[in-house]
Amino acid sequence: MEVTKATFNLPNDDIAELRRLAEANHTTVTAMLRQAIATQAYINKEIENGSKLLVEKPNGQIRELVPQW
């Protein structure tokens, strides 16, 4: 895999959340960012193909998540 070094300017809150997610998933910030990108790409592709994104609450209620992008 070819790698490109990149620099991003993100709000401190986003960086803190990225670090928290990485720690909670026992991985690095870079790996967590890659996972987030892959997850978003998958969701976008599924929605573009007509799929719906649904979340089932602990009480059994099902809710459709509507992306705002």
Protein backbone atom coordinates (compact mmCIF):
# COMPACT_ATOMS: atom_id res chain seq x y z
CA MET A 1 0.00 0.00 0.00
CA GLU A 2 1.34 3.39 -0.98
CA VAL A 3 1.23 5.99 1.80
CA THR A 4 1.03 9.78 1.61
CA LYS A 5 1.77 11.95 4.62
CA ALA A 6 -1.02 14.49 5.16
CA THR A 7 -1.62 17.39 7.51
CA PHE A 8 -5.13 18.42 8.57
CA ASN A 9 -6.49 21.27 10.62
CA LEU A 10 -9.28 19.97 12.84
CA PRO A 11 -11.03 21.52 15.82
CA ASN A 12 -9.59 20.42 19.18
CA ASP A 13 -12.90 18.73 20.04
CA ASP A 14 -12.63 16.53 16.92
CA ILE A 15 -9.04 15.59 17.77
CA ALA A 16 -10.05 14.75 21.34
CA GLU A 17 -12.89 12.55 20.07
CA LEU A 18 -10.60 10.83 17.58
CA ARG A 19 -8.11 10.08 20.37
CA ARG A 20 -10.91 8.83 22.64
CA LEU A 21 -12.20 6.53 19.90
CA ALA A 22 -8.71 5.19 19.21
CA GLU A 23 -8.13 4.46 22.88
CA ALA A 24 -11.54 2.81 23.29
CA ASN A 25 -10.82 0.60 20.28
CA HIS A 26 -7.24 -0.18 21.38
CA THR A 27 -5.77 1.23 18.20
CA THR A 28 -3.88 4.24 16.92
CA VAL A 29 -5.33 7.59 15.89
CA THR A 30 -4.21 6.87 12.30
CA ALA A 31 -5.92 3.48 12.26
CA MET A 32 -9.07 4.99 13.77
CA LEU A 33 -9.13 7.69 11.11
CA ARG A 34 -8.72 5.07 8.38
CA GLN A 35 -11.58 3.06 9.89
CA ALA A 36 -13.81 6.15 10.01
CA ILE A 37 -13.10 6.86 6.34
CA ALA A 38 -13.83 3.26 5.34
CA THR A 39 -17.05 3.23 7.37
CA GLN A 40 -18.27 6.48 5.81
CA ALA A 41 -17.39 5.25 2.31
CA TYR A 42 -19.37 2.04 2.94
CA ILE A 43 -22.40 3.95 4.25
CA ASN A 44 -22.31 6.37 1.29
CA LYS A 45 -22.13 3.50 -1.20
CA GLU A 46 -25.03 1.65 0.41
CA ILE A 47 -27.24 4.77 0.50
CA GLU A 48 -26.37 5.58 -3.12
CA ASN A 49 -27.56 2.04 -3.98
CA GLY A 50 -30.91 2.63 -2.28
CA SER A 51 -30.21 1.14 1.14
CA LYS A 52 -31.45 2.75 4.36
CA LEU A 53 -29.41 3.20 7.53
CA LEU A 54 -31.43 1.93 10.49
CA VAL A 55 -30.68 1.88 14.21
CA GLU A 56 -32.53 -0.34 16.65
CA LYS A 57 -32.84 1.18 20.12
CA PRO A 58 -32.56 -1.01 23.24
CA ASN A 59 -36.36 -0.82 23.58
CA GLY A 60 -36.78 -2.32 20.09
CA GLN A 61 -37.73 0.96 18.38
CA ILE A 62 -36.21 1.21 14.91
CA ARG A 63 -35.18 4.61 13.60
CA GLU A 64 -33.86 5.57 10.19
CA LEU A 65 -30.76 7.76 10.24
CA VAL A 66 -30.87 10.32 7.45
CA PRO A 67 -27.42 11.62 6.48
CA GLN A 68 -27.11 15.40 6.31
CA TRP A 69 -24.29 15.64 3.76
